[in-house]
Amino acid sequence: MTKLPHKTNVEVGLTLQDLRLEAKMTQKDVAEYLGVTQSAVCLLEAGKISLSLANANKLAALWGTTSDDIYTGEVWNKPKLGDLN
């Protein structure tokens, strides 16, 4: 099994932003869920700070994916539950 490379902080941030918007959540919603400030979520999405594994796991559970998929961008290459029928 080939391991996919992790993306840059900016690429991970864009994945987080896309997942948040798909879930119709605000940065404030995500911040409250993670127990951080809205400012921290903004910095994560901009790629200015790194996403911790603990927070990646929390967000993955919230959005029905895995932390590996968030870090590699593979979340977009998997079928959604509704697409399986």
Protein backbone atom coordinates (compact mmCIF):
# COMPACT_ATOMS: atom_id res chain seq x y z
CA MET A 1 0.00 0.00 0.00
CA THR A 2 1.45 3.34 -1.06
CA LYS A 3 1.35 6.05 1.54
CA LEU A 4 0.12 9.41 0.28
CA PRO A 5 2.17 12.46 1.17
CA HIS A 6 0.73 14.95 3.58
CA LYS A 7 -0.24 18.26 2.07
CA THR A 8 1.10 21.65 3.06
CA ASN A 9 -0.58 23.65 5.81
CA VAL A 10 -2.23 25.80 3.12
CA GLU A 11 -3.63 22.75 1.32
CA VAL A 12 -4.88 21.24 4.58
CA GLY A 13 -6.44 24.60 5.46
CA LEU A 14 -8.29 24.70 2.14
CA THR A 15 -9.56 21.16 2.75
CA LEU A 16 -10.80 22.22 6.20
CA GLN A 17 -12.53 25.25 4.74
CA ASP A 18 -14.19 23.15 2.02
CA LEU A 19 -15.38 20.57 4.56
CA ARG A 20 -16.70 23.30 6.86
CA LEU A 21 -18.60 25.00 4.06
CA GLU A 22 -20.00 21.69 2.80
CA ALA A 23 -21.27 21.08 6.35
CA LYS A 24 -22.80 24.59 6.36
CA MET A 25 -20.80 25.52 9.43
CA THR A 26 -19.21 28.84 10.34
CA GLN A 27 -15.70 29.28 11.65
CA LYS A 28 -17.32 30.11 14.97
CA ASP A 29 -19.19 26.76 14.94
CA VAL A 30 -15.96 24.87 14.34
CA ALA A 31 -14.14 26.91 16.98
CA GLU A 32 -16.78 26.10 19.60
CA TYR A 33 -16.68 22.41 18.67
CA LEU A 34 -12.88 22.30 19.04
CA GLY A 35 -12.74 24.59 22.07
CA VAL A 36 -10.56 27.16 20.31
CA THR A 37 -11.09 30.72 19.14
CA GLN A 38 -12.60 31.67 15.79
CA SER A 39 -9.29 33.37 15.13
CA ALA A 40 -7.48 30.01 15.46
CA VAL A 41 -9.84 28.42 12.92
CA CYS A 42 -9.17 31.33 10.56
CA LEU A 43 -5.42 30.77 10.94
CA LEU A 44 -5.84 27.01 10.35
CA GLU A 45 -7.82 27.58 7.16
CA ALA A 46 -5.24 30.11 5.94
CA GLY A 47 -2.43 27.62 6.56
CA LYS A 48 -0.72 29.91 9.05
CA ILE A 49 -0.75 27.27 11.81
CA SER A 50 -0.70 23.47 11.70
CA LEU A 51 -3.69 21.30 12.48
CA SER A 52 -2.99 19.10 15.50
CA LEU A 53 -3.72 15.40 15.24
CA ALA A 54 -6.18 15.66 18.14
CA ASN A 55 -8.18 18.37 16.35
CA ALA A 56 -7.90 16.55 13.02
CA ASN A 57 -9.43 13.47 14.66
CA LYS A 58 -12.25 15.54 16.16
CA LEU A 59 -13.05 17.20 12.84
CA ALA A 60 -12.82 13.92 10.95
CA ALA A 61 -15.38 12.39 13.31
CA LEU A 62 -17.62 15.43 12.94
CA TRP A 63 -17.47 15.39 9.14
CA GLY A 64 -17.48 11.60 8.62
CA THR A 65 -13.96 11.18 7.28
CA THR A 66 -10.50 10.35 8.66
CA SER A 67 -7.64 12.54 9.81
CA ASP A 68 -5.44 10.89 7.16
CA ASP A 69 -7.90 11.98 4.49
CA ILE A 70 -7.82 15.54 5.82
CA TYR A 71 -4.02 15.62 5.86
CA THR A 72 -3.64 14.08 2.38
CA GLY A 73 -6.65 15.64 0.66
CA GLU A 74 -8.03 12.19 -0.16
CA VAL A 75 -11.37 13.09 1.41
CA TRP A 76 -12.45 14.29 -2.05
CA ASN A 77 -11.56 11.02 -3.78
CA LYS A 78 -14.01 8.87 -1.83
CA PRO A 79 -17.70 8.35 -2.59
CA LYS A 80 -20.19 10.06 -0.33
CA LEU A 81 -22.76 7.91 1.48
CA GLY A 82 -25.54 9.08 -0.86
CA ASP A 83 -23.45 8.12 -3.89
CA LEU A 84 -23.21 4.45 -2.85
CA ASN A 85 -26.78 3.61 -3.85
